[in-house]
Structure formats: C-alpha cells, structure tokens
C-alpha cells in the first residue's frame, strides 16, 4: 500500500466531520441558491489543508515530507526552545501542563488545574 492509500484510509473517518462543518457553515436552501463568499471558501480550503497536513505528519512523521518536513521539525524545535526559555523566565508555570502563567490566576487557563501559590522572597 502506497503513502497516498495509507493516508486515504487515515482521513476516511474525518470526511464525515468535514461534511458536517461544510453543511453547518454553508447550508443549502432549495428556496434560495447558495451564494457563498469566495473568500470564505478560500479560508475553509486553507483550514482543510492545514488539518490534512497535520494528520499526515502525525500519521507518517515529518521525515516523509522531505525538505518541508525537515523545516517543520526545525521550527518545532525552536518553538520548544522558546517555550522552555519562557518557563525559566516566568514567575510561575502550571505544575500540571507547564503553561506560563501571567498575573496570579487561581486556575490554569490552559488545562484548568488549580494553581498552588508560592510565596516569593526577594
């Protein structure tokens, strides 16, 4: 089975969700023909390309996509480095998910974990 055939089997279940999204955002009416804005359709197309690309990389690994895959891995590494730097420089991070907390929230805005407050000494 080729890469394309494998990918088709992976996204088969996603097709129903995509159809629901299209029908929800662009319902057809027998009384009034659909007049969807071209820009809205282009935005939807871009979103679908992103979803398909993420699914492909998740399923097959970035390495299978040549130079673009290598560049993606480099960008992901840079993101991870910057997130780590933010964590080191932050006053506080969520003990559950590592999200950098701003201000003094009682719950993590990312995962909802209750934040344990620490007394800071200077």
PDB file of N, CA and C in Angstrom:
ATOM      1  N   UNK A   1       0.859  -1.175   0.000  1.00  0.00           N
ATOM      2  CA  UNK A   1       0.000   0.000   0.000  1.00  0.00           C
ATOM      3  C   UNK A   1       0.899   1.230   0.000  1.00  0.00           C
ATOM      4  N   UNK A   2       0.618   2.167  -0.909  1.00  0.00           N
ATOM      5  CA  UNK A   2       1.409   3.377  -1.013  1.00  0.00           C
ATOM      6  C   UNK A   2       1.037   4.397   0.044  1.00  0.00           C
ATOM      7  N   UNK A   3       1.858   5.429   0.127  1.00  0.00           N
ATOM      8  CA  UNK A   3       1.643   6.501   1.099  1.00  0.00           C
ATOM      9  C   UNK A   3       0.275   7.142   0.918  1.00  0.00           C
ATOM     10  N   UNK A   4      -0.115   7.408  -0.318  1.00  0.00           N
ATOM     11  CA  UNK A   4      -1.404   8.037  -0.580  1.00  0.00           C
ATOM     12  C   UNK A   4      -2.552   7.135  -0.132  1.00  0.00           C
ATOM     13  N   UNK A   5      -2.457   5.836  -0.420  1.00  0.00           N
ATOM     14  CA  UNK A   5      -3.504   4.905   0.005  1.00  0.00           C
ATOM     15  C   UNK A   5      -3.612   4.837   1.523  1.00  0.00           C
ATOM     16  N   UNK A   6      -2.457   4.828   2.199  1.00  0.00           N
ATOM     17  CA  UNK A   6      -2.460   4.817   3.667  1.00  0.00           C
ATOM     18  C   UNK A   6      -3.116   6.078   4.209  1.00  0.00           C
ATOM     19  N   UNK A   7      -2.784   7.206   3.601  1.00  0.00           N
ATOM     20  CA  UNK A   7      -3.342   8.463   4.081  1.00  0.00           C
ATOM     21  C   UNK A   7      -4.841   8.513   3.839  1.00  0.00           C
ATOM     22  N   UNK A   8      -5.289   8.015   2.708  1.00  0.00           N
ATOM     23  CA  UNK A   8      -6.732   7.985   2.435  1.00  0.00           C
ATOM     24  C   UNK A   8      -7.470   7.203   3.512  1.00  0.00           C
ATOM     25  N   UNK A   9      -6.898   6.096   3.953  1.00  0.00           N
ATOM     26  CA  UNK A   9      -7.565   5.304   4.987  1.00  0.00           C
ATOM     27  C   UNK A   9      -7.572   6.040   6.325  1.00  0.00           C
ATOM     28  N   UNK A  10      -6.536   6.835   6.586  1.00  0.00           N
ATOM     29  CA  UNK A  10      -6.463   7.591   7.836  1.00  0.00           C
ATOM     30  C   UNK A  10      -7.525   8.679   7.881  1.00  0.00           C
ATOM     31  N   UNK A  11      -7.727   9.379   6.762  1.00  0.00           N
ATOM     32  CA  UNK A  11      -8.661  10.511   6.777  1.00  0.00           C
ATOM     33  C   UNK A  11     -10.099  10.112   6.467  1.00  0.00           C
ATOM     34  N   UNK A  12     -10.352   8.864   6.181  1.00  0.00           N
ATOM     35  CA  UNK A  12     -11.705   8.427   5.833  1.00  0.00           C
ATOM     36  C   UNK A  12     -12.717   8.818   6.906  1.00  0.00           C
ATOM     37  N   UNK A  13     -12.381   8.602   8.169  1.00  0.00           N
ATOM     38  CA  UNK A  13     -13.287   8.949   9.263  1.00  0.00           C
ATOM     39  C   UNK A  13     -13.462  10.449   9.408  1.00  0.00           C
ATOM     40  N   UNK A  14     -12.457  11.222   9.008  1.00  0.00           N
ATOM     41  CA  UNK A  14     -12.525  12.671   9.121  1.00  0.00           C
ATOM     42  C   UNK A  14     -13.483  13.272   8.102  1.00  0.00           C
ATOM     43  N   UNK A  15     -13.761  12.564   7.024  1.00  0.00           N
ATOM     44  CA  UNK A  15     -14.600  13.109   5.953  1.00  0.00           C
ATOM     45  C   UNK A  15     -15.991  13.482   6.464  1.00  0.00           C
ATOM     46  N   UNK A  16     -16.555  12.657   7.310  1.00  0.00           N
ATOM     47  CA  UNK A  16     -17.895  12.949   7.843  1.00  0.00           C
ATOM     48  C   UNK A  16     -17.884  14.245   8.645  1.00  0.00           C
ATOM     49  N   UNK A  17     -16.847  14.467   9.456  1.00  0.00           N
ATOM     50  CA  UNK A  17     -16.752  15.702  10.238  1.00  0.00           C
ATOM     51  C   UNK A  17     -16.604  16.922   9.328  1.00  0.00           C
ATOM     52  N   UNK A  18     -15.840  16.779   8.263  1.00  0.00           N
ATOM     53  CA  UNK A  18     -15.657  17.884   7.324  1.00  0.00           C
ATOM     54  C   UNK A  18     -16.979  18.207   6.642  1.00  0.00           C
ATOM     55  N   UNK A  19     -17.715  17.174   6.238  1.00  0.00           N
ATOM     56  CA  UNK A  19     -19.016  17.407   5.600  1.00  0.00           C
ATOM     57  C   UNK A  19     -19.969  18.112   6.550  1.00  0.00           C
ATOM     58  N   UNK A  20     -19.954  17.717   7.820  1.00  0.00           N
ATOM     59  CA  UNK A  20     -20.812  18.385   8.806  1.00  0.00           C
ATOM     60  C   UNK A  20     -20.431  19.858   8.927  1.00  0.00           C
ATOM     61  N   UNK A  21     -19.113  20.141   8.954  1.00  0.00           N
ATOM     62  CA  UNK A  21     -18.650  21.513   9.072  1.00  0.00           C
ATOM     63  C   UNK A  21     -19.102  22.342   7.865  1.00  0.00           C
ATOM     64  N   UNK A  22     -18.991  21.780   6.671  1.00  0.00           N
ATOM     65  CA  UNK A  22     -19.402  22.488   5.462  1.00  0.00           C
ATOM     66  C   UNK A  22     -20.903  22.743   5.483  1.00  0.00           C
ATOM     67  N   UNK A  23     -21.673  21.718   5.827  1.00  0.00           N
ATOM     68  CA  UNK A  23     -23.128  21.881   5.859  1.00  0.00           C
ATOM     69  C   UNK A  23     -23.570  22.880   6.919  1.00  0.00           C
ATOM     70  N   UNK A  24     -22.860  22.912   8.050  1.00  0.00           N
ATOM     71  CA  UNK A  24     -23.206  23.858   9.119  1.00  0.00           C
ATOM     72  C   UNK A  24     -22.914  25.294   8.689  1.00  0.00           C
ATOM     73  N   UNK A  25     -21.743  25.492   8.080  1.00  0.00           N
ATOM     74  CA  UNK A  25     -21.326  26.837   7.703  1.00  0.00           C
ATOM     75  C   UNK A  25     -21.934  27.324   6.398  1.00  0.00           C
ATOM     76  N   UNK A  26     -22.293  26.404   5.531  1.00  0.00           N
ATOM     77  CA  UNK A  26     -22.824  26.765   4.224  1.00  0.00           C
ATOM     78  C   UNK A  26     -24.058  25.922   3.900  1.00  0.00           C
ATOM     79  N   UNK A  27     -25.146  26.087   4.661  1.00  0.00           N
ATOM     80  CA  UNK A  27     -26.339  25.271   4.407  1.00  0.00           C
ATOM     81  C   UNK A  27     -26.959  25.607   3.057  1.00  0.00           C
ATOM     82  N   UNK A  28     -27.459  24.571   2.402  1.00  0.00           N
ATOM     83  CA  UNK A  28     -28.105  24.758   1.108  1.00  0.00           C
ATOM     84  C   UNK A  28     -29.598  24.921   1.339  1.00  0.00           C
ATOM     85  N   UNK A  29     -30.186  25.780   0.579  1.00  0.00           N
ATOM     86  CA  UNK A  29     -31.614  26.020   0.678  1.00  0.00           C
ATOM     87  C   UNK A  29     -32.217  25.925  -0.711  1.00  0.00           C
ATOM     88  N   UNK A  30     -33.273  25.141  -0.856  1.00  0.00           N
ATOM     89  CA  UNK A  30     -33.928  24.996  -2.149  1.00  0.00           C
ATOM     90  C   UNK A  30     -34.574  26.315  -2.563  1.00  0.00           C
ATOM     91  N   UNK A  31     -35.045  27.085  -1.599  1.00  0.00           N
ATOM     92  CA  UNK A  31     -35.713  28.344  -1.893  1.00  0.00           C
ATOM     93  C   UNK A  31     -34.730  29.428  -2.316  1.00  0.00           C
ATOM     94  N   UNK A  32     -33.515  29.384  -1.775  1.00  0.00           N
ATOM     95  CA  UNK A  32     -32.527  30.420  -2.053  1.00  0.00           C
ATOM     96  C   UNK A  32     -31.200  29.754  -2.396  1.00  0.00           C
ATOM     97  N   UNK A  33     -30.754  29.834  -3.644  1.00  0.00           N
ATOM     98  CA  UNK A  33     -29.498  29.179  -4.027  1.00  0.00           C
ATOM     99  C   UNK A  33     -28.325  29.679  -3.175  1.00  0.00           C
ATOM    100  N   UNK A  34     -27.416  28.791  -2.923  1.00  0.00           N
ATOM    101  CA  UNK A  34     -26.254  29.127  -2.086  1.00  0.00           C
ATOM    102  C   UNK A  34     -25.377  30.142  -2.798  1.00  0.00           C
ATOM    103  N   UNK A  35     -25.046  31.204  -2.102  1.00  0.00           N
ATOM    104  CA  UNK A  35     -24.160  32.249  -2.624  1.00  0.00           C
ATOM    105  C   UNK A  35     -23.062  32.477  -1.607  1.00  0.00           C
ATOM    106  N   UNK A  36     -22.162  31.539  -1.531  1.00  0.00           N
ATOM    107  CA  UNK A  36     -21.080  31.611  -0.565  1.00  0.00           C
ATOM    108  C   UNK A  36     -19.998  32.553  -1.055  1.00  0.00           C
ATOM    109  N   UNK A  37     -19.516  33.366  -0.168  1.00  0.00           N
ATOM    110  CA  UNK A  37     -18.440  34.292  -0.465  1.00  0.00           C
ATOM    111  C   UNK A  37     -17.182  33.514  -0.832  1.00  0.00           C
ATOM    112  N   UNK A  38     -16.526  33.906  -1.920  1.00  0.00           N
ATOM    113  CA  UNK A  38     -15.315  33.226  -2.399  1.00  0.00           C
ATOM    114  C   UNK A  38     -14.222  33.229  -1.332  1.00  0.00           C
ATOM    115  N   UNK A  39     -14.070  34.341  -0.607  1.00  0.00           N
ATOM    116  CA  UNK A  39     -13.043  34.415   0.428  1.00  0.00           C
ATOM    117  C   UNK A  39     -13.317  33.426   1.556  1.00  0.00           C
ATOM    118  N   UNK A  40     -14.587  33.242   1.908  1.00  0.00           N
ATOM    119  CA  UNK A  40     -14.935  32.268   2.947  1.00  0.00           C
ATOM    120  C   UNK A  40     -14.554  30.862   2.508  1.00  0.00           C
ATOM    121  N   UNK A  41     -14.803  30.545   1.240  1.00  0.00           N
ATOM    122  CA  UNK A  41     -14.440  29.235   0.721  1.00  0.00           C
ATOM    123  C   UNK A  41     -12.924  29.049   0.704  1.00  0.00           C
ATOM    124  N   UNK A  42     -12.189  30.097   0.366  1.00  0.00           N
ATOM    125  CA  UNK A  42     -10.723  30.003   0.372  1.00  0.00           C
ATOM    126  C   UNK A  42     -10.201  29.806   1.793  1.00  0.00           C
ATOM    127  N   UNK A  43     -10.819  30.491   2.755  1.00  0.00           N
ATOM    128  CA  UNK A  43     -10.437  30.299   4.158  1.00  0.00           C
ATOM    129  C   UNK A  43     -10.700  28.862   4.591  1.00  0.00           C
ATOM    130  N   UNK A  44     -11.854  28.326   4.197  1.00  0.00           N
ATOM    131  CA  UNK A  44     -12.177  26.945   4.549  1.00  0.00           C
ATOM    132  C   UNK A  44     -11.190  25.984   3.893  1.00  0.00           C
ATOM    133  N   UNK A  45     -10.848  26.256   2.636  1.00  0.00           N
ATOM    134  CA  UNK A  45      -9.880  25.417   1.942  1.00  0.00           C
ATOM    135  C   UNK A  45      -8.540  25.416   2.680  1.00  0.00           C
ATOM    136  N   UNK A  46      -8.087  26.597   3.082  1.00  0.00           N
ATOM    137  CA  UNK A  46      -6.817  26.691   3.811  1.00  0.00           C
ATOM    138  C   UNK A  46      -6.868  25.914   5.118  1.00  0.00           C
ATOM    139  N   UNK A  47      -7.977  26.039   5.841  1.00  0.00           N
ATOM    140  CA  UNK A  47      -8.141  25.308   7.102  1.00  0.00           C
ATOM    141  C   UNK A  47      -8.111  23.800   6.861  1.00  0.00           C
ATOM    142  N   UNK A  48      -8.767  23.346   5.804  1.00  0.00           N
ATOM    143  CA  UNK A  48      -8.765  21.917   5.491  1.00  0.00           C
ATOM    144  C   UNK A  48      -7.370  21.432   5.117  1.00  0.00           C
ATOM    145  N   UNK A  49      -6.630  22.234   4.335  1.00  0.00           N
ATOM    146  CA  UNK A  49      -5.254  21.860   4.009  1.00  0.00           C
ATOM    147  C   UNK A  49      -4.417  21.716   5.276  1.00  0.00           C
ATOM    148  N   UNK A  50      -4.596  22.645   6.216  1.00  0.00           N
ATOM    149  CA  UNK A  50      -3.836  22.568   7.471  1.00  0.00           C
ATOM    150  C   UNK A  50      -4.208  21.303   8.242  1.00  0.00           C
ATOM    151  N   UNK A  51      -5.500  21.004   8.336  1.00  0.00           N
ATOM    152  CA  UNK A  51      -5.928  19.814   9.059  1.00  0.00           C
ATOM    153  C   UNK A  51      -5.376  18.548   8.409  1.00  0.00           C
ATOM    154  N   UNK A  52      -5.454  18.476   7.084  1.00  0.00           N
ATOM    155  CA  UNK A  52      -4.950  17.308   6.360  1.00  0.00           C
ATOM    156  C   UNK A  52      -3.443  17.181   6.550  1.00  0.00           C
ATOM    157  N   UNK A  53      -2.726  18.301   6.467  1.00  0.00           N
ATOM    158  CA  UNK A  53      -1.275  18.265   6.659  1.00  0.00           C
ATOM    159  C   UNK A  53      -0.886  17.805   8.047  1.00  0.00           C
ATOM    160  N   UNK A  54      -1.582  18.300   9.069  1.00  0.00           N
ATOM    161  CA  UNK A  54      -1.293  17.876  10.440  1.00  0.00           C
ATOM    162  C   UNK A  54      -1.555  16.384  10.608  1.00  0.00           C
ATOM    163  N   UNK A  55      -2.656  15.907  10.013  1.00  0.00           N
ATOM    164  CA  UNK A  55      -2.963  14.481  10.116  1.00  0.00           C
ATOM    165  C   UNK A  55      -1.891  13.651   9.420  1.00  0.00           C
ATOM    166  N   UNK A  56      -1.431  14.115   8.256  1.00  0.00           N
ATOM    167  CA  UNK A  56      -0.405  13.382   7.514  1.00  0.00           C
ATOM    168  C   UNK A  56       0.895  13.303   8.303  1.00  0.00           C
ATOM    169  N   UNK A  57       1.323  14.425   8.867  1.00  0.00           N
ATOM    170  CA  UNK A  57       2.572  14.446   9.637  1.00  0.00           C
ATOM    171  C   UNK A  57       2.438  13.582  10.888  1.00  0.00           C
ATOM    172  N   UNK A  58       1.288  13.657  11.544  1.00  0.00           N
ATOM    173  CA  UNK A  58       1.061  12.840  12.741  1.00  0.00           C
ATOM    174  C   UNK A  58       1.111  11.358  12.399  1.00  0.00           C
ATOM    175  N   UNK A  59       0.501  10.990  11.299  1.00  0.00           N
ATOM    176  CA  UNK A  59       0.421   9.580  10.912  1.00  0.00           C
ATOM    177  C   UNK A  59       1.745   9.033  10.389  1.00  0.00           C
ATOM    178  N   UNK A  60       2.444   9.807   9.554  1.00  0.00           N
ATOM    179  CA  UNK A  60       3.599   9.271   8.849  1.00  0.00           C
ATOM    180  C   UNK A  60       4.940   9.841   9.297  1.00  0.00           C
ATOM    181  N   UNK A  61       4.930  10.912  10.106  1.00  0.00           N
ATOM    182  CA  UNK A  61       6.166  11.540  10.551  1.00  0.00           C
ATOM    183  C   UNK A  61       6.634  12.581   9.557  1.00  0.00           C
ATOM    184  N   UNK A  62       7.198  13.645  10.073  1.00  0.00           N
ATOM    185  CA  UNK A  62       7.643  14.765   9.235  1.00  0.00           C
ATOM    186  C   UNK A  62       8.735  14.343   8.257  1.00  0.00           C
ATOM    187  N   UNK A  63       9.507  13.332   8.616  1.00  0.00           N
ATOM    188  CA  UNK A  63      10.630  12.897   7.782  1.00  0.00           C
ATOM    189  C   UNK A  63      10.177  12.469   6.388  1.00  0.00           C
ATOM    190  N   UNK A  64       8.939  11.996   6.265  1.00  0.00           N
ATOM    191  CA  UNK A  64       8.426  11.516   4.976  1.00  0.00           C
ATOM    192  C   UNK A  64       8.138  12.649   4.000  1.00  0.00           C
ATOM    193  N   UNK A  65       8.252  13.907   4.453  1.00  0.00           N
ATOM    194  CA  UNK A  65       7.857  15.029   3.621  1.00  0.00           C
ATOM    195  C   UNK A  65       9.039  15.885   3.194  1.00  0.00           C
ATOM    196  N   UNK A  66      10.209  15.258   3.099  1.00  0.00           N
ATOM    197  CA  UNK A  66      11.390  15.892   2.537  1.00  0.00           C
ATOM    198  C   UNK A  66      11.813  17.165   3.241  1.00  0.00           C
ATOM    199  N   UNK A  67      12.193  18.158   2.434  1.00  0.00           N
ATOM    200  CA  UNK A  67      12.711  19.416   2.971  1.00  0.00           C
ATOM    201  C   UNK A  67      11.668  20.139   3.816  1.00  0.00           C
ATOM    202  N   UNK A  68      10.401  20.108   3.377  1.00  0.00           N
ATOM    203  CA  UNK A  68       9.338  20.768   4.149  1.00  0.00           C
ATOM    204  C   UNK A  68       9.199  20.108   5.521  1.00  0.00           C
ATOM    205  N   UNK A  69       9.303  18.795   5.581  1.00  0.00           N
ATOM    206  CA  UNK A  69       9.238  18.088   6.854  1.00  0.00           C
ATOM    207  C   UNK A  69      10.416  18.441   7.751  1.00  0.00           C
ATOM    208  N   UNK A  70      11.599  18.545   7.167  1.00  0.00           N
ATOM    209  CA  UNK A  70      12.784  18.931   7.941  1.00  0.00           C
ATOM    210  C   UNK A  70      12.635  20.339   8.503  1.00  0.00           C
ATOM    211  N   UNK A  71      12.102  21.241   7.681  1.00  0.00           N
ATOM    212  CA  UNK A  71      11.882  22.605   8.147  1.00  0.00           C
ATOM    213  C   UNK A  71      10.855  22.638   9.275  1.00  0.00           C
ATOM    214  N   UNK A  72       9.815  21.815   9.165  1.00  0.00           N
ATOM    215  CA  UNK A  72       8.809  21.738  10.222  1.00  0.00           C
ATOM    216  C   UNK A  72       9.450  21.280  11.528  1.00  0.00           C
ATOM    217  N   UNK A  73      10.294  20.266  11.471  1.00  0.00           N
ATOM    218  CA  UNK A  73      10.971  19.781  12.674  1.00  0.00           C
ATOM    219  C   UNK A  73      11.857  20.863  13.287  1.00  0.00           C
ATOM    220  N   UNK A  74      12.542  21.639  12.459  1.00  0.00           N
ATOM    221  CA  UNK A  74      13.377  22.730  12.964  1.00  0.00           C
ATOM    222  C   UNK A  74      12.531  23.787  13.662  1.00  0.00           C
ATOM    223  N   UNK A  75      11.391  24.147  13.043  1.00  0.00           N
ATOM    224  CA  UNK A  75      10.502  25.148  13.645  1.00  0.00           C
ATOM    225  C   UNK A  75       9.951  24.637  14.961  1.00  0.00           C
ATOM    226  N   UNK A  76       9.559  23.369  14.999  1.00  0.00           N
ATOM    227  CA  UNK A  76       9.043  22.795  16.243  1.00  0.00           C
ATOM    228  C   UNK A  76      10.103  22.806  17.333  1.00  0.00           C
ATOM    229  N   UNK A  77      11.357  22.558  16.974  1.00  0.00           N
ATOM    230  CA  UNK A  77      12.451  22.600  17.940  1.00  0.00           C
ATOM    231  C   UNK A  77      12.643  24.016  18.465  1.00  0.00           C
ATOM    232  N   UNK A  78      12.570  25.011  17.574  1.00  0.00           N
ATOM    233  CA  UNK A  78      12.711  26.406  18.002  1.00  0.00           C
ATOM    234  C   UNK A  78      11.565  26.808  18.926  1.00  0.00           C
ATOM    235  N   UNK A  79      10.359  26.356  18.619  1.00  0.00           N
ATOM    236  CA  UNK A  79       9.213  26.636  19.487  1.00  0.00           C
ATOM    237  C   UNK A  79       9.448  26.041  20.866  1.00  0.00           C
ATOM    238  N   UNK A  80       9.897  24.790  20.908  1.00  0.00           N
ATOM    239  CA  UNK A  80      10.153  24.123  22.187  1.00  0.00           C
ATOM    240  C   UNK A  80      11.222  24.873  22.982  1.00  0.00           C
ATOM    241  N   UNK A  81      12.255  25.336  22.311  1.00  0.00           N
ATOM    242  CA  UNK A  81      13.315  26.085  22.996  1.00  0.00           C
ATOM    243  C   UNK A  81      12.781  27.387  23.576  1.00  0.00           C
ATOM    244  N   UNK A  82      11.961  28.083  22.818  1.00  0.00           N
ATOM    245  CA  UNK A  82      11.402  29.353  23.302  1.00  0.00           C
ATOM    246  C   UNK A  82      10.409  29.131  24.443  1.00  0.00           C
ATOM    247  N   UNK A  83       9.646  28.057  24.351  1.00  0.00           N
ATOM    248  CA  UNK A  83       8.729  27.741  25.453  1.00  0.00           C
ATOM    249  C   UNK A  83       9.512  27.426  26.726  1.00  0.00           C
ATOM    250  N   UNK A  84      10.602  26.690  26.585  1.00  0.00           N
ATOM    251  CA  UNK A  84      11.437  26.371  27.743  1.00  0.00           C
ATOM    252  C   UNK A  84      12.049  27.638  28.318  1.00  0.00           C
ATOM    253  N   UNK A  85      12.500  28.531  27.456  1.00  0.00           N
ATOM    254  CA  UNK A  85      13.062  29.796  27.917  1.00  0.00           C
ATOM    255  C   UNK A  85      12.001  30.621  28.655  1.00  0.00           C
ATOM    256  N   UNK A  86      10.780  30.631  28.125  1.00  0.00           N
ATOM    257  CA  UNK A  86       9.693  31.350  28.792  1.00  0.00           C
ATOM    258  C   UNK A  86       9.418  30.754  30.164  1.00  0.00           C
ATOM    259  N   UNK A  87       9.459  29.435  30.249  1.00  0.00           N
ATOM    260  CA  UNK A  87       9.226  28.769  31.537  1.00  0.00           C
ATOM    261  C   UNK A  87      10.304  29.153  32.549  1.00  0.00           C
ATOM    262  N   UNK A  88      11.558  29.186  32.094  1.00  0.00           N
ATOM    263  CA  UNK A  88      12.656  29.537  33.001  1.00  0.00           C
ATOM    264  C   UNK A  88      12.543  30.978  33.472  1.00  0.00           C
ATOM    265  N   UNK A  89      12.056  31.856  32.594  1.00  0.00           N
ATOM    266  CA  UNK A  89      11.972  33.280  32.930  1.00  0.00           C
ATOM    267  C   UNK A  89      10.654  33.654  33.601  1.00  0.00           C
ATOM    268  N   UNK A  90       9.727  32.760  33.624  1.00  0.00           N
ATOM    269  CA  UNK A  90       8.407  33.085  34.178  1.00  0.00           C
ATOM    270  C   UNK A  90       8.437  33.081  35.696  1.00  0.00           C
ATOM    271  N   UNK A  91       7.574  33.888  36.260  1.00  0.00           N
ATOM    272  CA  UNK A  91       7.428  33.871  37.706  1.00  0.00           C
ATOM    273  C   UNK A  91       6.784  32.569  38.147  1.00  0.00           C
ATOM    274  N   UNK A  92       5.861  32.069  37.323  1.00  0.00           N
ATOM    275  CA  UNK A  92       5.144  30.870  37.719  1.00  0.00           C
ATOM    276  C   UNK A  92       4.673  30.124  36.472  1.00  0.00           C
ATOM    277  N   UNK A  93       4.704  28.802  36.546  1.00  0.00           N
ATOM    278  CA  UNK A  93       4.162  27.963  35.492  1.00  0.00           C
ATOM    279  C   UNK A  93       3.219  26.958  36.117  1.00  0.00           C
ATOM    280  N   UNK A  94       2.281  26.469  35.318  1.00  0.00           N
ATOM    281  CA  UNK A  94       1.344  25.456  35.797  1.00  0.00           C
ATOM    282  C   UNK A  94       2.114  24.176  36.104  1.00  0.00           C
ATOM    283  N   UNK A  95       1.892  23.647  37.282  1.00  0.00           N
ATOM    284  CA  UNK A  95       2.607  22.424  37.677  1.00  0.00           C
ATOM    285  C   UNK A  95       2.106  21.200  36.919  1.00  0.00           C
ATOM    286  N   UNK A  96       0.939  21.307  36.271  1.00  0.00           N
ATOM    287  CA  UNK A  96       0.380  20.178  35.539  1.00  0.00           C
ATOM    288  C   UNK A  96       0.839  20.156  34.081  1.00  0.00           C
ATOM    289  N   UNK A  97       0.660  21.296  33.366  1.00  0.00           N
ATOM    290  CA  UNK A  97       0.929  21.300  31.926  1.00  0.00           C
ATOM    291  C   UNK A  97       2.111  22.162  31.519  1.00  0.00           C
ATOM    292  N   UNK A  98       2.659  22.953  32.451  1.00  0.00           N
ATOM    293  CA  UNK A  98       3.814  23.787  32.138  1.00  0.00           C
ATOM    294  C   UNK A  98       3.477  25.103  31.474  1.00  0.00           C
ATOM    295  N   UNK A  99       2.197  25.438  31.357  1.00  0.00           N
ATOM    296  CA  UNK A  99       1.774  26.691  30.746  1.00  0.00           C
ATOM    297  C   UNK A  99       2.317  27.860  31.555  1.00  0.00           C
ATOM    298  N   UNK A 100       2.860  28.864  30.856  1.00  0.00           N
ATOM    299  CA  UNK A 100       3.397  30.036  31.524  1.00  0.00           C
ATOM    300  C   UNK A 100       2.230  30.903  31.994  1.00  0.00           C
ATOM    301  N   UNK A 101       2.165  31.120  33.299  1.00  0.00           N
ATOM    302  CA  UNK A 101       1.065  31.870  33.893  1.00  0.00           C
ATOM    303  C   UNK A 101       1.405  33.351  33.946  1.00  0.00           C
ATOM    304  N   UNK A 102       0.435  34.160  33.629  1.00  0.00           N
ATOM    305  CA  UNK A 102       0.595  35.606  33.674  1.00  0.00           C
ATOM    306  C   UNK A 102      -0.335  36.137  34.749  1.00  0.00           C
ATOM    307  N   UNK A 103       0.149  37.039  35.550  1.00  0.00           N
ATOM    308  CA  UNK A 103      -0.659  37.530  36.659  1.00  0.00           C
ATOM    309  C   UNK A 103      -0.670  36.496  37.771  1.00  0.00           C
ATOM    310  N   UNK A 104      -1.783  36.423  38.456  1.00  0.00           N
ATOM    311  CA  UNK A 104      -1.910  35.459  39.558  1.00  0.00           C
ATOM    312  C   UNK A 104      -3.224  34.702  39.445  1.00  0.00           C
ATOM    313  N   UNK A 105      -3.370  33.869  38.418  1.00  0.00           N
ATOM    314  CA  UNK A 105      -4.626  33.145  38.270  1.00  0.00           C
ATOM    315  C   UNK A 105      -4.769  32.067  39.343  1.00  0.00           C
ATOM    316  N   UNK A 106      -6.011  31.743  39.665  1.00  0.00           N
ATOM    317  CA  UNK A 106      -6.269  30.668  40.632  1.00  0.00           C
ATOM    318  C   UNK A 106      -6.292  29.318  39.929  1.00  0.00           C
ATOM    319  N   UNK A 107      -6.599  29.341  38.595  1.00  0.00           N
ATOM    320  CA  UNK A 107      -6.638  28.126  37.802  1.00  0.00           C
ATOM    321  C   UNK A 107      -5.877  28.363  36.503  1.00  0.00           C
ATOM    322  N   UNK A 108      -5.251  27.320  35.993  1.00  0.00           N
ATOM    323  CA  UNK A 108      -4.511  27.423  34.742  1.00  0.00           C
ATOM    324  C   UNK A 108      -5.501  27.647  33.594  1.00  0.00           C
ATOM    325  N   UNK A 109      -5.273  28.684  32.780  1.00  0.00           N
ATOM    326  CA  UNK A 109      -6.172  28.923  31.659  1.00  0.00           C
ATOM    327  C   UNK A 109      -6.029  27.881  30.553  1.00  0.00           C
ATOM    328  N   UNK A 110      -4.964  27.102  30.572  1.00  0.00           N
ATOM    329  CA  UNK A 110      -4.736  26.087  29.546  1.00  0.00           C
ATOM    330  C   UNK A 110      -5.396  24.756  29.900  1.00  0.00           C
ATOM    331  N   UNK A 111      -5.194  24.278  31.128  1.00  0.00           N
ATOM    332  CA  UNK A 111      -5.697  22.941  31.482  1.00  0.00           C
ATOM    333  C   UNK A 111      -6.698  22.942  32.632  1.00  0.00           C
ATOM    334  N   UNK A 112      -6.858  24.073  33.324  1.00  0.00           N
ATOM    335  CA  UNK A 112      -7.847  24.167  34.400  1.00  0.00           C
ATOM    336  C   UNK A 112      -7.372  23.712  35.762  1.00  0.00           C
ATOM    337  N   UNK A 113      -6.118  23.318  35.884  1.00  0.00           N
ATOM    338  CA  UNK A 113      -5.590  22.867  37.174  1.00  0.00           C
ATOM    339  C   UNK A 113      -5.540  24.021  38.167  1.00  0.00           C
ATOM    340  N   UNK A 114      -5.913  23.742  39.432  1.00  0.00           N
ATOM    341  CA  UNK A 114      -5.813  24.762  40.476  1.00  0.00           C
ATOM    342  C   UNK A 114      -4.344  25.079  40.695  1.00  0.00           C
ATOM    343  N   UNK A 115      -4.043  26.365  40.741  1.00  0.00           N
ATOM    344  CA  UNK A 115      -2.659  26.816  40.884  1.00  0.00           C
ATOM    345  C   UNK A 115      -2.306  26.927  42.358  1.00  0.00           C
ATOM    346  N   UNK A 116      -1.233  26.249  42.727  1.00  0.00           N
ATOM    347  CA  UNK A 116      -0.708  26.335  44.081  1.00  0.00           C
ATOM    348  C   UNK A 116       0.145  27.592  44.158  1.00  0.00           C
ATOM    349  N   UNK A 117      -0.209  28.495  45.026  1.00  0.00           N
ATOM    350  CA  UNK A 117       0.558  29.732  45.118  1.00  0.00           C
ATOM    351  C   UNK A 117       1.798  29.495  45.973  1.00  0.00           C
ATOM    352  N   UNK A 118       2.873  30.153  45.545  1.00  0.00           N
ATOM    353  CA  UNK A 118       4.148  30.067  46.263  1.00  0.00           C
ATOM    354  C   UNK A 118       4.494  31.457  46.745  1.00  0.00           C
ATOM    355  N   UNK A 119       4.918  31.539  47.949  1.00  0.00           N
ATOM    356  CA  UNK A 119       5.380  32.831  48.469  1.00  0.00           C
ATOM    357  C   UNK A 119       6.754  33.090  47.872  1.00  0.00           C
ATOM    358  N   UNK A 120       6.900  34.250  47.268  1.00  0.00           N
ATOM    359  CA  UNK A 120       8.177  34.583  46.649  1.00  0.00           C
ATOM    360  C   UNK A 120       8.962  35.493  47.564  1.00  0.00           C
ATOM    361  N   UNK A 121      10.221  35.166  47.805  1.00  0.00           N
ATOM    362  CA  UNK A 121      11.057  36.008  48.645  1.00  0.00           C
ATOM    363  C   UNK A 121      12.049  36.736  47.773  1.00  0.00           C
ATOM    364  N   UNK A 122      12.369  37.958  48.125  1.00  0.00           N
ATOM    365  CA  UNK A 122      13.312  38.766  47.332  1.00  0.00           C
ATOM    366  C   UNK A 122      14.532  39.063  48.134  1.00  0.00           C
TER     367      UNK A 122
END
